[in-house]
């Protein structure tokens, strides 16, 4: 899958190192594959859970592919944790009808058809975003766009805060990358915006792009 907010997958050596750490320390890795259905320019990266099912808990959700209001997700657990987790979740699971509806949606093939259609729609939005920025904001570098529902827009140094304010003035809800930065991080800060493209309705997307370009330095 890919990481939020930068949108990049773990390199193979980092994946191996993470599994080695879990085995060495007895730790658990939580692999949150929250929007792995949406890939555009590359083949899917195999789940980390496949490298060591006893050390990785795989989490998935229908929040991005269907709707967050459904509150439906799933866990692929190490066998040793199944009983403990099930006991802890007793009485706190989603409604049975919602679960059965999703199961029917999956089993019928309709979910796969829905995801393929959504993937095409979001890819077109992403392509429109990149094209608009290339034409109107050539000084902005776009990264993290091979998968997911957001892009990272790298800005000139020292312009992140003013750009977030300008975007808000245009009626846009975007976040600066610094919002996700750990206070003890030892790498140089990067001025950037994290821009999602999954929310606006289709008829409003062109206007949202125009407003975004007006806000950029």
N, C-alpha and C. Protein backbone atom coordinates (compact mmCIF):
# COMPACT_ATOMS: atom_id res chain seq x y z
N UNK A 1 0.85 -1.18 0.00
CA UNK A 1 0.00 0.00 0.00
C UNK A 1 0.89 1.24 0.00
N UNK A 2 0.37 2.36 0.44
CA UNK A 2 1.14 3.59 0.45
C UNK A 2 0.91 4.32 1.77
N UNK A 3 1.81 5.24 2.06
CA UNK A 3 1.82 5.91 3.36
C UNK A 3 1.11 7.25 3.27
N UNK A 4 0.43 7.62 4.33
CA UNK A 4 -0.15 8.96 4.44
C UNK A 4 0.72 9.79 5.37
N UNK A 5 1.06 11.04 5.04
CA UNK A 5 0.49 11.82 3.94
C UNK A 5 1.31 11.85 2.66
N UNK A 6 2.53 11.32 2.65
CA UNK A 6 3.39 11.51 1.47
C UNK A 6 2.97 10.65 0.28
N UNK A 7 2.18 9.61 0.53
CA UNK A 7 1.65 8.81 -0.58
C UNK A 7 2.64 7.85 -1.20
N UNK A 8 3.70 7.51 -0.48
CA UNK A 8 4.74 6.65 -1.03
C UNK A 8 4.69 5.27 -0.37
N UNK A 9 4.98 4.21 -1.13
CA UNK A 9 5.06 2.87 -0.51
C UNK A 9 6.40 2.68 0.19
N UNK A 10 6.43 1.76 1.14
CA UNK A 10 7.70 1.40 1.77
C UNK A 10 8.59 0.69 0.76
N UNK A 11 9.86 1.06 0.73
CA UNK A 11 10.81 0.35 -0.11
C UNK A 11 10.97 -1.08 0.38
N UNK A 12 11.34 -2.01 -0.52
CA UNK A 12 11.47 -3.42 -0.10
C UNK A 12 12.38 -3.61 1.10
N UNK A 13 13.49 -2.88 1.16
CA UNK A 13 14.40 -3.05 2.29
C UNK A 13 13.79 -2.53 3.59
N UNK A 14 12.93 -1.50 3.50
CA UNK A 14 12.25 -1.00 4.70
C UNK A 14 11.19 -2.00 5.17
N UNK A 15 10.52 -2.64 4.22
CA UNK A 15 9.53 -3.66 4.58
C UNK A 15 10.20 -4.82 5.30
N UNK A 16 11.35 -5.25 4.76
CA UNK A 16 12.08 -6.35 5.38
C UNK A 16 12.56 -5.97 6.77
N UNK A 17 13.07 -4.74 6.91
CA UNK A 17 13.57 -4.28 8.21
C UNK A 17 12.44 -4.21 9.24
N UNK A 18 11.25 -3.82 8.80
CA UNK A 18 10.12 -3.73 9.72
C UNK A 18 9.71 -5.11 10.22
N UNK A 19 9.67 -6.08 9.32
CA UNK A 19 9.34 -7.45 9.73
C UNK A 19 10.42 -8.00 10.65
N UNK A 20 11.68 -7.73 10.34
CA UNK A 20 12.77 -8.19 11.20
C UNK A 20 12.64 -7.60 12.60
N UNK A 21 12.27 -6.32 12.68
CA UNK A 21 12.08 -5.69 13.99
C UNK A 21 10.97 -6.39 14.77
N UNK A 22 9.84 -6.67 14.11
CA UNK A 22 8.72 -7.32 14.80
C UNK A 22 9.12 -8.70 15.31
N UNK A 23 9.86 -9.45 14.52
CA UNK A 23 10.28 -10.78 14.94
C UNK A 23 11.29 -10.71 16.08
N UNK A 24 12.18 -9.74 16.01
CA UNK A 24 13.24 -9.63 17.01
C UNK A 24 12.71 -9.17 18.36
N UNK A 25 11.73 -8.29 18.35
CA UNK A 25 11.24 -7.69 19.59
C UNK A 25 9.93 -8.30 20.08
N UNK A 26 9.30 -9.15 19.25
CA UNK A 26 7.99 -9.65 19.61
C UNK A 26 6.89 -8.63 19.39
N UNK A 27 7.18 -7.59 18.61
CA UNK A 27 6.19 -6.53 18.36
C UNK A 27 5.18 -6.92 17.30
N UNK A 28 4.16 -6.08 17.18
CA UNK A 28 3.13 -6.25 16.15
C UNK A 28 3.16 -5.05 15.23
N UNK A 29 2.96 -5.29 13.95
CA UNK A 29 2.84 -4.23 12.96
C UNK A 29 1.37 -4.11 12.57
N UNK A 30 0.82 -2.90 12.62
CA UNK A 30 -0.55 -2.64 12.18
C UNK A 30 -0.49 -2.07 10.77
N UNK A 31 -1.01 -2.81 9.82
CA UNK A 31 -0.98 -2.40 8.42
C UNK A 31 -2.37 -1.90 8.03
N UNK A 32 -2.52 -0.58 7.98
CA UNK A 32 -3.82 0.05 7.73
C UNK A 32 -3.96 0.35 6.24
N UNK A 33 -4.57 -0.56 5.52
CA UNK A 33 -4.73 -0.42 4.07
C UNK A 33 -6.08 0.25 3.79
N UNK A 34 -6.15 1.55 4.09
CA UNK A 34 -7.44 2.23 4.12
C UNK A 34 -7.98 2.61 2.75
N UNK A 35 -7.12 2.73 1.73
CA UNK A 35 -7.63 3.03 0.39
C UNK A 35 -6.81 2.33 -0.69
N UNK A 36 -6.39 1.11 -0.38
CA UNK A 36 -5.54 0.37 -1.30
C UNK A 36 -6.20 -0.02 -2.60
N UNK A 37 -7.54 0.13 -2.70
CA UNK A 37 -8.22 -0.20 -3.96
C UNK A 37 -7.88 0.78 -5.07
N UNK A 38 -7.41 1.99 -4.69
CA UNK A 38 -7.25 3.04 -5.68
C UNK A 38 -5.78 3.18 -6.07
N UNK A 39 -5.41 2.47 -7.13
CA UNK A 39 -4.07 2.50 -7.69
C UNK A 39 -4.20 2.89 -9.16
N UNK A 40 -3.27 3.70 -9.65
CA UNK A 40 -3.41 4.24 -11.00
C UNK A 40 -2.24 3.92 -11.92
N UNK A 41 -1.03 4.06 -11.44
CA UNK A 41 0.13 3.97 -12.32
C UNK A 41 1.06 2.81 -11.98
N UNK A 42 0.66 1.94 -11.13
CA UNK A 42 1.55 0.83 -10.76
C UNK A 42 0.72 -0.36 -10.33
N UNK A 43 1.36 -1.51 -10.36
CA UNK A 43 0.72 -2.72 -9.86
C UNK A 43 0.62 -2.65 -8.33
N UNK A 44 -0.36 -3.34 -7.76
CA UNK A 44 -0.48 -3.29 -6.30
C UNK A 44 0.74 -3.87 -5.60
N UNK A 45 1.10 -3.25 -4.50
CA UNK A 45 2.18 -3.76 -3.66
C UNK A 45 1.59 -4.81 -2.72
N UNK A 46 2.22 -5.96 -2.64
CA UNK A 46 1.70 -7.01 -1.77
C UNK A 46 1.61 -6.56 -0.32
N UNK A 47 0.60 -7.06 0.36
CA UNK A 47 0.41 -6.68 1.76
C UNK A 47 1.60 -7.14 2.60
N UNK A 48 2.00 -6.31 3.53
CA UNK A 48 3.06 -6.67 4.47
C UNK A 48 2.66 -7.90 5.27
N UNK A 49 1.36 -8.05 5.51
CA UNK A 49 0.85 -9.18 6.28
C UNK A 49 1.24 -10.51 5.66
N UNK A 50 1.40 -10.54 4.34
CA UNK A 50 1.78 -11.77 3.67
C UNK A 50 3.20 -12.22 3.99
N UNK A 51 4.04 -11.29 4.46
CA UNK A 51 5.42 -11.64 4.80
C UNK A 51 5.52 -12.34 6.15
N UNK A 52 4.60 -12.02 7.06
CA UNK A 52 4.62 -12.67 8.37
C UNK A 52 3.24 -12.53 9.01
N UNK A 53 2.32 -13.46 8.73
CA UNK A 53 0.96 -13.36 9.27
C UNK A 53 0.90 -13.41 10.80
N UNK A 54 1.96 -13.86 11.45
CA UNK A 54 1.96 -13.91 12.92
C UNK A 54 2.40 -12.61 13.56
N UNK A 55 2.93 -11.68 12.76
CA UNK A 55 3.47 -10.44 13.32
C UNK A 55 2.79 -9.19 12.76
N UNK A 56 1.88 -9.36 11.80
CA UNK A 56 1.24 -8.21 11.16
C UNK A 56 -0.28 -8.35 11.27
N UNK A 57 -0.93 -7.29 11.74
CA UNK A 57 -2.39 -7.20 11.73
C UNK A 57 -2.79 -6.34 10.54
N UNK A 58 -3.56 -6.91 9.64
CA UNK A 58 -3.98 -6.20 8.43
C UNK A 58 -5.37 -5.62 8.66
N UNK A 59 -5.52 -4.31 8.40
CA UNK A 59 -6.79 -3.62 8.59
C UNK A 59 -7.28 -3.09 7.25
N UNK A 60 -8.57 -3.27 6.99
CA UNK A 60 -9.19 -2.71 5.79
C UNK A 60 -10.49 -2.03 6.15
N UNK A 61 -11.02 -1.24 5.23
CA UNK A 61 -12.24 -0.49 5.50
C UNK A 61 -12.98 -0.20 4.21
N UNK A 62 -14.30 -0.02 4.35
CA UNK A 62 -15.12 0.41 3.22
C UNK A 62 -15.34 1.91 3.23
N UNK A 63 -14.67 2.63 4.12
CA UNK A 63 -14.92 4.06 4.27
C UNK A 63 -14.57 4.86 3.03
N UNK A 64 -13.49 4.49 2.34
CA UNK A 64 -13.08 5.22 1.14
C UNK A 64 -13.76 4.68 -0.11
N UNK A 65 -13.93 3.38 -0.18
CA UNK A 65 -14.49 2.79 -1.40
C UNK A 65 -16.01 2.91 -1.47
N UNK A 66 -16.68 2.99 -0.31
CA UNK A 66 -18.14 3.11 -0.29
C UNK A 66 -18.55 4.40 0.42
N UNK A 67 -18.56 4.38 1.76
CA UNK A 67 -18.94 5.58 2.51
C UNK A 67 -18.52 5.42 3.96
N UNK A 68 -17.97 6.47 4.57
CA UNK A 68 -17.55 6.36 5.98
C UNK A 68 -18.71 6.12 6.93
N UNK A 69 -19.92 6.56 6.55
CA UNK A 69 -21.07 6.38 7.44
C UNK A 69 -21.43 4.92 7.64
N UNK A 70 -20.97 4.03 6.76
CA UNK A 70 -21.25 2.60 6.93
C UNK A 70 -20.54 2.03 8.15
N UNK A 71 -19.38 2.59 8.47
CA UNK A 71 -18.60 2.15 9.64
C UNK A 71 -18.30 0.64 9.57
N UNK A 72 -17.90 0.19 8.39
CA UNK A 72 -17.58 -1.21 8.18
C UNK A 72 -16.09 -1.36 7.88
N UNK A 73 -15.45 -2.25 8.59
CA UNK A 73 -14.04 -2.54 8.36
C UNK A 73 -13.77 -3.99 8.70
N UNK A 74 -12.52 -4.39 8.55
CA UNK A 74 -12.17 -5.78 8.82
C UNK A 74 -10.73 -5.89 9.29
N UNK A 75 -10.44 -6.98 9.97
CA UNK A 75 -9.11 -7.28 10.46
C UNK A 75 -8.71 -8.67 9.99
N UNK A 76 -7.46 -8.81 9.58
CA UNK A 76 -6.87 -10.13 9.36
C UNK A 76 -5.84 -10.30 10.47
N UNK A 77 -6.15 -11.18 11.41
CA UNK A 77 -5.41 -11.26 12.66
C UNK A 77 -4.47 -12.46 12.71
N UNK A 78 -3.35 -12.33 13.43
CA UNK A 78 -2.57 -13.53 13.78
C UNK A 78 -3.46 -14.49 14.56
N UNK A 79 -3.37 -15.78 14.30
CA UNK A 79 -4.25 -16.74 14.98
C UNK A 79 -4.26 -16.59 16.50
N UNK A 80 -3.11 -16.24 17.08
CA UNK A 80 -3.03 -16.15 18.53
C UNK A 80 -3.86 -15.00 19.11
N UNK A 81 -4.26 -14.05 18.27
CA UNK A 81 -5.00 -12.88 18.76
C UNK A 81 -6.50 -12.96 18.51
N UNK A 82 -6.95 -13.93 17.74
CA UNK A 82 -8.34 -13.94 17.31
C UNK A 82 -9.30 -13.98 18.50
N UNK A 83 -9.09 -14.89 19.41
CA UNK A 83 -10.03 -15.04 20.54
C UNK A 83 -10.06 -13.79 21.41
N UNK A 84 -8.88 -13.24 21.70
CA UNK A 84 -8.81 -12.05 22.55
C UNK A 84 -9.51 -10.86 21.90
N UNK A 85 -9.27 -10.66 20.61
CA UNK A 85 -9.89 -9.53 19.91
C UNK A 85 -11.40 -9.71 19.81
N UNK A 86 -11.84 -10.91 19.52
CA UNK A 86 -13.28 -11.16 19.42
C UNK A 86 -13.97 -10.91 20.76
N UNK A 87 -13.33 -11.33 21.85
CA UNK A 87 -13.90 -11.07 23.17
C UNK A 87 -13.99 -9.57 23.44
N UNK A 88 -12.95 -8.84 23.04
CA UNK A 88 -12.93 -7.40 23.28
C UNK A 88 -13.94 -6.64 22.43
N UNK A 89 -14.33 -7.20 21.29
CA UNK A 89 -15.27 -6.53 20.39
C UNK A 89 -16.71 -6.93 20.65
N UNK A 90 -16.94 -7.81 21.58
CA UNK A 90 -18.30 -8.29 21.85
C UNK A 90 -19.24 -7.11 22.12
N UNK A 91 -20.34 -7.06 21.38
CA UNK A 91 -21.32 -6.00 21.56
C UNK A 91 -20.97 -4.69 20.90
N UNK A 92 -19.84 -4.62 20.19
CA UNK A 92 -19.41 -3.36 19.58
C UNK A 92 -19.20 -3.51 18.07
N UNK A 93 -19.81 -4.50 17.47
CA UNK A 93 -19.67 -4.71 16.04
C UNK A 93 -20.76 -3.97 15.28
N UNK A 94 -20.56 -3.69 13.98
CA UNK A 94 -21.61 -3.04 13.19
C UNK A 94 -22.86 -3.90 13.10
N UNK A 95 -23.94 -3.30 12.65
CA UNK A 95 -25.20 -4.02 12.52
C UNK A 95 -25.08 -5.22 11.60
N UNK A 96 -25.78 -6.29 11.94
CA UNK A 96 -25.72 -7.52 11.15
C UNK A 96 -26.21 -7.27 9.73
N UNK A 97 -27.26 -6.47 9.57
CA UNK A 97 -27.80 -6.21 8.24
C UNK A 97 -26.76 -5.52 7.35
N UNK A 98 -26.03 -4.56 7.93
CA UNK A 98 -24.98 -3.89 7.16
C UNK A 98 -23.89 -4.87 6.73
N UNK A 99 -23.52 -5.76 7.64
CA UNK A 99 -22.49 -6.74 7.32
C UNK A 99 -22.95 -7.69 6.21
N UNK A 100 -24.19 -8.15 6.31
CA UNK A 100 -24.72 -9.07 5.30
C UNK A 100 -24.85 -8.39 3.95
N UNK A 101 -25.21 -7.11 3.97
CA UNK A 101 -25.33 -6.36 2.71
C UNK A 101 -23.98 -6.24 2.03
N UNK A 102 -22.94 -5.91 2.82
CA UNK A 102 -21.60 -5.82 2.24
C UNK A 102 -21.13 -7.18 1.73
N UNK A 103 -21.43 -8.24 2.48
CA UNK A 103 -21.04 -9.59 2.04
C UNK A 103 -21.69 -9.93 0.70
N UNK A 104 -22.96 -9.57 0.54
CA UNK A 104 -23.64 -9.82 -0.73
C UNK A 104 -23.03 -8.97 -1.84
N UNK A 105 -22.69 -7.73 -1.53
CA UNK A 105 -22.07 -6.83 -2.50
C UNK A 105 -20.74 -7.39 -2.98
N UNK A 106 -19.97 -7.95 -2.05
CA UNK A 106 -18.68 -8.55 -2.40
C UNK A 106 -18.87 -9.83 -3.20
N UNK A 107 -19.75 -10.70 -2.72
CA UNK A 107 -19.92 -12.00 -3.35
C UNK A 107 -20.52 -11.94 -4.74
N UNK A 108 -21.32 -10.92 -5.01
CA UNK A 108 -21.98 -10.81 -6.32
C UNK A 108 -21.06 -10.25 -7.40
N UNK A 109 -19.92 -9.68 -6.99
CA UNK A 109 -19.05 -9.02 -7.95
C UNK A 109 -19.37 -7.55 -8.15
N UNK A 110 -20.47 -7.08 -7.55
CA UNK A 110 -20.85 -5.67 -7.72
C UNK A 110 -19.84 -4.73 -7.06
N UNK A 111 -19.23 -5.18 -5.96
CA UNK A 111 -18.24 -4.33 -5.30
C UNK A 111 -17.04 -4.10 -6.22
N UNK A 112 -16.56 -5.15 -6.87
CA UNK A 112 -15.43 -5.01 -7.78
C UNK A 112 -15.77 -4.08 -8.93
N UNK A 113 -16.98 -4.20 -9.47
CA UNK A 113 -17.39 -3.31 -10.56
C UNK A 113 -17.47 -1.86 -10.08
N UNK A 114 -17.98 -1.67 -8.88
CA UNK A 114 -18.05 -0.32 -8.31
C UNK A 114 -16.65 0.27 -8.14
N UNK A 115 -15.71 -0.52 -7.62
CA UNK A 115 -14.35 -0.02 -7.39
C UNK A 115 -13.68 0.33 -8.72
N UNK A 116 -13.87 -0.50 -9.75
CA UNK A 116 -13.27 -0.19 -11.05
C UNK A 116 -13.80 1.13 -11.60
N UNK A 117 -15.10 1.35 -11.45
CA UNK A 117 -15.69 2.60 -11.92
C UNK A 117 -15.17 3.79 -11.12
N UNK A 118 -15.10 3.64 -9.79
CA UNK A 118 -14.60 4.72 -8.95
C UNK A 118 -13.13 5.00 -9.23
N UNK A 119 -12.35 3.96 -9.46
CA UNK A 119 -10.93 4.14 -9.75
C UNK A 119 -10.73 4.97 -11.01
N UNK A 120 -11.54 4.70 -12.03
CA UNK A 120 -11.44 5.47 -13.27
C UNK A 120 -11.83 6.93 -13.03
N UNK A 121 -12.88 7.15 -12.25
CA UNK A 121 -13.33 8.52 -11.98
C UNK A 121 -12.26 9.30 -11.21
N UNK A 122 -11.67 8.67 -10.20
CA UNK A 122 -10.65 9.38 -9.42
C UNK A 122 -9.36 9.57 -10.21
N UNK A 123 -9.05 8.62 -11.08
CA UNK A 123 -7.87 8.81 -11.91
C UNK A 123 -8.05 10.03 -12.82
N UNK A 124 -9.23 10.21 -13.37
CA UNK A 124 -9.49 11.38 -14.21
C UNK A 124 -9.38 12.67 -13.40
N UNK A 125 -9.86 12.64 -12.17
CA UNK A 125 -9.72 13.82 -11.32
C UNK A 125 -8.24 14.12 -11.04
N UNK A 126 -7.50 13.08 -10.72
CA UNK A 126 -6.07 13.26 -10.46
C UNK A 126 -5.36 13.82 -11.68
N UNK A 127 -5.68 13.28 -12.86
CA UNK A 127 -5.04 13.76 -14.08
C UNK A 127 -5.40 15.23 -14.35
N UNK A 128 -6.65 15.60 -14.06
CA UNK A 128 -7.05 17.00 -14.25
C UNK A 128 -6.30 17.90 -13.28
N UNK A 129 -6.09 17.43 -12.05
CA UNK A 129 -5.33 18.20 -11.07
C UNK A 129 -3.90 18.43 -11.55
N UNK A 130 -3.25 17.37 -12.00
CA UNK A 130 -1.86 17.48 -12.47
C UNK A 130 -1.78 18.41 -13.68
N UNK A 131 -2.73 18.27 -14.61
CA UNK A 131 -2.71 19.11 -15.81
C UNK A 131 -2.90 20.58 -15.46
N UNK A 132 -3.83 20.87 -14.54
CA UNK A 132 -4.08 22.26 -14.16
C UNK A 132 -2.85 22.87 -13.49
N UNK A 133 -2.20 22.11 -12.63
CA UNK A 133 -1.02 22.64 -11.95
C UNK A 133 0.15 22.82 -12.91
N UNK A 134 0.29 21.91 -13.85
CA UNK A 134 1.36 22.03 -14.84
C UNK A 134 1.21 23.32 -15.65
N UNK A 135 -0.03 23.66 -15.98
CA UNK A 135 -0.29 24.84 -16.79
C UNK A 135 -0.25 26.13 -15.99
N UNK A 136 -0.82 26.12 -14.79
CA UNK A 136 -1.03 27.37 -14.07
C UNK A 136 -0.11 27.57 -12.87
N UNK A 137 0.54 26.51 -12.41
CA UNK A 137 1.45 26.64 -11.26
C UNK A 137 2.68 25.78 -11.51
N UNK A 138 3.46 26.11 -12.53
CA UNK A 138 4.60 25.25 -12.89
C UNK A 138 5.67 25.16 -11.81
N UNK A 139 5.66 26.06 -10.85
CA UNK A 139 6.64 26.01 -9.77
C UNK A 139 6.28 25.05 -8.66
N UNK A 140 5.10 24.44 -8.76
CA UNK A 140 4.63 23.50 -7.74
C UNK A 140 4.86 22.08 -8.24
N UNK A 141 5.52 21.27 -7.42
CA UNK A 141 5.79 19.87 -7.78
C UNK A 141 4.76 18.97 -7.12
N UNK A 142 4.16 18.08 -7.91
CA UNK A 142 3.11 17.19 -7.42
C UNK A 142 3.70 15.80 -7.19
N UNK A 143 3.50 15.24 -6.01
CA UNK A 143 4.03 13.91 -5.69
C UNK A 143 2.95 13.07 -5.01
N UNK A 144 3.26 11.79 -4.83
CA UNK A 144 2.36 10.90 -4.11
C UNK A 144 1.08 10.60 -4.84
N UNK A 145 1.13 10.53 -6.18
CA UNK A 145 -0.11 10.42 -6.95
C UNK A 145 -0.30 9.05 -7.61
N UNK A 146 0.56 8.08 -7.32
CA UNK A 146 0.42 6.77 -7.96
C UNK A 146 -0.75 5.98 -7.40
N UNK A 147 -1.21 6.35 -6.21
CA UNK A 147 -2.30 5.63 -5.57
C UNK A 147 -2.97 6.55 -4.56
N UNK A 148 -4.16 6.14 -4.11
CA UNK A 148 -4.84 6.89 -3.07
C UNK A 148 -5.76 7.96 -3.61
N UNK A 149 -6.18 8.86 -2.72
CA UNK A 149 -7.15 9.89 -3.06
C UNK A 149 -6.65 11.28 -2.68
N UNK A 150 -5.34 11.44 -2.61
CA UNK A 150 -4.80 12.76 -2.32
C UNK A 150 -3.45 12.92 -3.02
N UNK A 151 -3.02 14.16 -3.12
CA UNK A 151 -1.72 14.48 -3.70
C UNK A 151 -0.99 15.43 -2.76
N UNK A 152 0.33 15.44 -2.86
CA UNK A 152 1.15 16.38 -2.10
C UNK A 152 1.70 17.41 -3.08
N UNK A 153 1.46 18.67 -2.79
CA UNK A 153 1.91 19.77 -3.64
C UNK A 153 3.08 20.47 -2.95
N UNK A 154 4.28 20.26 -3.46
CA UNK A 154 5.47 20.86 -2.87
C UNK A 154 5.56 22.33 -3.28
N UNK A 155 5.69 23.21 -2.29
CA UNK A 155 5.64 24.66 -2.49
C UNK A 155 7.03 25.28 -2.36
N UNK A 156 7.20 26.51 -2.84
CA UNK A 156 8.45 27.22 -2.58
C UNK A 156 8.67 27.37 -1.07
N UNK A 157 9.91 27.34 -0.61
CA UNK A 157 10.19 27.44 0.82
C UNK A 157 9.56 28.68 1.44
N UNK A 158 8.98 28.49 2.62
CA UNK A 158 8.43 29.60 3.37
C UNK A 158 7.04 30.05 2.96
N UNK A 159 6.37 29.29 2.09
CA UNK A 159 5.07 29.74 1.58
C UNK A 159 3.89 28.89 2.05
N UNK A 160 4.15 27.86 2.86
CA UNK A 160 3.05 26.94 3.20
C UNK A 160 1.93 27.64 3.96
N UNK A 161 2.28 28.37 5.00
CA UNK A 161 1.24 28.95 5.85
C UNK A 161 0.38 29.94 5.08
N UNK A 162 1.00 30.80 4.29
CA UNK A 162 0.22 31.78 3.54
C UNK A 162 -0.64 31.11 2.48
N UNK A 163 -0.17 29.98 1.93
CA UNK A 163 -0.95 29.28 0.91
C UNK A 163 -2.16 28.60 1.52
N UNK A 164 -2.01 28.04 2.72
CA UNK A 164 -3.16 27.45 3.41
C UNK A 164 -4.22 28.52 3.68
N UNK A 165 -3.77 29.71 4.10
CA UNK A 165 -4.72 30.81 4.34
C UNK A 165 -5.40 31.24 3.05
N UNK A 166 -4.62 31.33 1.97
CA UNK A 166 -5.20 31.73 0.69
C UNK A 166 -6.21 30.70 0.20
N UNK A 167 -5.92 29.43 0.41
CA UNK A 167 -6.86 28.38 0.01
C UNK A 167 -8.15 28.48 0.81
N UNK A 168 -8.03 28.73 2.12
CA UNK A 168 -9.23 28.89 2.95
C UNK A 168 -10.06 30.08 2.47
N UNK A 169 -9.39 31.15 2.06
CA UNK A 169 -10.09 32.33 1.53
C UNK A 169 -10.86 31.97 0.26
N UNK A 170 -10.35 31.00 -0.49
CA UNK A 170 -11.03 30.54 -1.70
C UNK A 170 -12.12 29.50 -1.39
N UNK A 171 -12.31 29.18 -0.11
CA UNK A 171 -13.33 28.22 0.27
C UNK A 171 -12.88 26.77 0.22
N UNK A 172 -11.55 26.55 0.24
CA UNK A 172 -11.01 25.20 0.16
C UNK A 172 -10.49 24.75 1.52
N UNK A 173 -10.72 23.49 1.84
CA UNK A 173 -10.21 22.91 3.08
C UNK A 173 -9.01 22.04 2.74
N UNK A 174 -7.82 22.61 2.81
CA UNK A 174 -6.59 21.85 2.58
C UNK A 174 -5.69 22.00 3.80
N UNK A 175 -4.77 21.07 3.95
CA UNK A 175 -3.86 21.09 5.10
C UNK A 175 -2.43 21.27 4.64
N UNK A 176 -1.66 21.99 5.44
CA UNK A 176 -0.23 22.05 5.21
C UNK A 176 0.43 20.76 5.68
N UNK A 177 1.50 20.38 5.00
CA UNK A 177 2.19 19.15 5.38
C UNK A 177 2.74 19.24 6.80
N UNK A 178 3.04 20.45 7.27
CA UNK A 178 3.59 20.61 8.62
C UNK A 178 2.62 20.13 9.69
N UNK A 179 1.33 20.08 9.37
CA UNK A 179 0.34 19.60 10.33
C UNK A 179 0.60 18.14 10.72
N UNK A 180 1.24 17.39 9.83
CA UNK A 180 1.47 15.97 10.06
C UNK A 180 2.91 15.68 10.50
N UNK A 181 3.67 16.71 10.73
CA UNK A 181 5.08 16.55 11.08
C UNK A 181 5.24 16.32 12.58
N UNK A 182 6.01 15.32 12.96
CA UNK A 182 6.29 15.09 14.37
C UNK A 182 7.20 16.19 14.90
N UNK A 183 6.92 16.70 16.10
CA UNK A 183 7.74 17.82 16.61
C UNK A 183 9.21 17.46 16.80
N UNK A 184 9.52 16.17 16.93
CA UNK A 184 10.92 15.77 17.12
C UNK A 184 11.56 15.26 15.84
N UNK A 185 10.90 15.46 14.70
CA UNK A 185 11.46 14.97 13.43
C UNK A 185 12.81 15.64 13.17
N UNK A 186 13.76 14.84 12.67
CA UNK A 186 15.11 15.36 12.47
C UNK A 186 15.45 15.56 10.99
N UNK A 187 14.42 15.56 10.13
CA UNK A 187 14.65 15.85 8.71
C UNK A 187 14.18 17.27 8.43
N UNK A 188 14.77 17.94 7.45
CA UNK A 188 14.37 19.32 7.16
C UNK A 188 12.89 19.40 6.80
N UNK A 189 12.19 20.44 7.27
CA UNK A 189 10.77 20.58 6.95
C UNK A 189 10.58 20.86 5.46
N UNK A 190 9.44 20.43 4.95
CA UNK A 190 9.09 20.62 3.55
C UNK A 190 7.79 21.40 3.47
N UNK A 191 7.82 22.55 2.81
CA UNK A 191 6.59 23.32 2.61
C UNK A 191 5.76 22.63 1.53
N UNK A 192 4.53 22.26 1.89
CA UNK A 192 3.69 21.53 0.94
C UNK A 192 2.24 21.57 1.40
N UNK A 193 1.34 21.28 0.47
CA UNK A 193 -0.07 21.09 0.77
C UNK A 193 -0.44 19.63 0.58
N UNK A 194 -1.36 19.14 1.40
CA UNK A 194 -1.96 17.83 1.21
C UNK A 194 -3.37 18.07 0.69
N UNK A 195 -3.61 17.68 -0.56
CA UNK A 195 -4.85 18.01 -1.26
C UNK A 195 -5.60 16.73 -1.61
N UNK A 196 -6.78 16.56 -1.04
CA UNK A 196 -7.62 15.42 -1.39
C UNK A 196 -8.47 15.73 -2.61
N UNK A 197 -8.72 14.71 -3.43
CA UNK A 197 -9.56 14.93 -4.61
C UNK A 197 -10.73 13.95 -4.67
N UNK A 198 -11.09 13.37 -3.54
CA UNK A 198 -12.20 12.42 -3.53
C UNK A 198 -13.53 13.03 -3.16
N UNK A 199 -13.54 14.21 -2.53
CA UNK A 199 -14.77 14.73 -1.93
C UNK A 199 -15.66 15.54 -2.87
N UNK A 200 -15.12 16.52 -3.63
CA UNK A 200 -16.04 17.37 -4.40
C UNK A 200 -16.87 16.56 -5.40
N UNK A 201 -18.14 16.91 -5.57
CA UNK A 201 -18.92 16.26 -6.62
C UNK A 201 -18.35 16.59 -7.99
N UNK A 202 -18.65 15.75 -8.96
CA UNK A 202 -18.05 15.92 -10.29
C UNK A 202 -18.30 17.31 -10.86
N UNK A 203 -19.50 17.84 -10.66
CA UNK A 203 -19.82 19.13 -11.28
C UNK A 203 -19.05 20.28 -10.64
N UNK A 204 -18.49 20.07 -9.43
CA UNK A 204 -17.77 21.13 -8.74
C UNK A 204 -16.26 21.01 -8.86
N UNK A 205 -15.77 19.95 -9.51
CA UNK A 205 -14.33 19.69 -9.51
C UNK A 205 -13.56 20.75 -10.29
N UNK A 206 -14.06 21.16 -11.45
CA UNK A 206 -13.35 22.17 -12.24
C UNK A 206 -13.25 23.48 -11.46
N UNK A 207 -14.32 23.87 -10.78
CA UNK A 207 -14.27 25.09 -9.98
C UNK A 207 -13.31 24.99 -8.82
N UNK A 208 -13.25 23.81 -8.19
CA UNK A 208 -12.32 23.61 -7.09
C UNK A 208 -10.87 23.71 -7.57
N UNK A 209 -10.59 23.16 -8.75
CA UNK A 209 -9.24 23.26 -9.31
C UNK A 209 -8.88 24.72 -9.59
N UNK A 210 -9.82 25.46 -10.14
CA UNK A 210 -9.56 26.87 -10.43
C UNK A 210 -9.26 27.64 -9.15
N UNK A 211 -10.04 27.38 -8.10
CA UNK A 211 -9.81 28.05 -6.82
C UNK A 211 -8.45 27.68 -6.24
N UNK A 212 -8.08 26.40 -6.36
CA UNK A 212 -6.79 25.96 -5.84
C UNK A 212 -5.64 26.67 -6.57
N UNK A 213 -5.73 26.74 -7.88
CA UNK A 213 -4.65 27.38 -8.65
C UNK A 213 -4.53 28.86 -8.30
N UNK A 214 -5.64 29.52 -8.02
CA UNK A 214 -5.58 30.93 -7.63
C UNK A 214 -4.90 31.11 -6.28
N UNK A 215 -4.98 30.10 -5.42
CA UNK A 215 -4.41 30.21 -4.08
C UNK A 215 -2.91 29.92 -4.04
N UNK A 216 -2.38 29.27 -5.06
CA UNK A 216 -0.99 28.84 -5.04
C UNK A 216 -0.04 30.00 -5.34
N UNK A 217 1.17 29.95 -4.78
CA UNK A 217 2.13 31.02 -5.03
C UNK A 217 2.68 30.97 -6.46
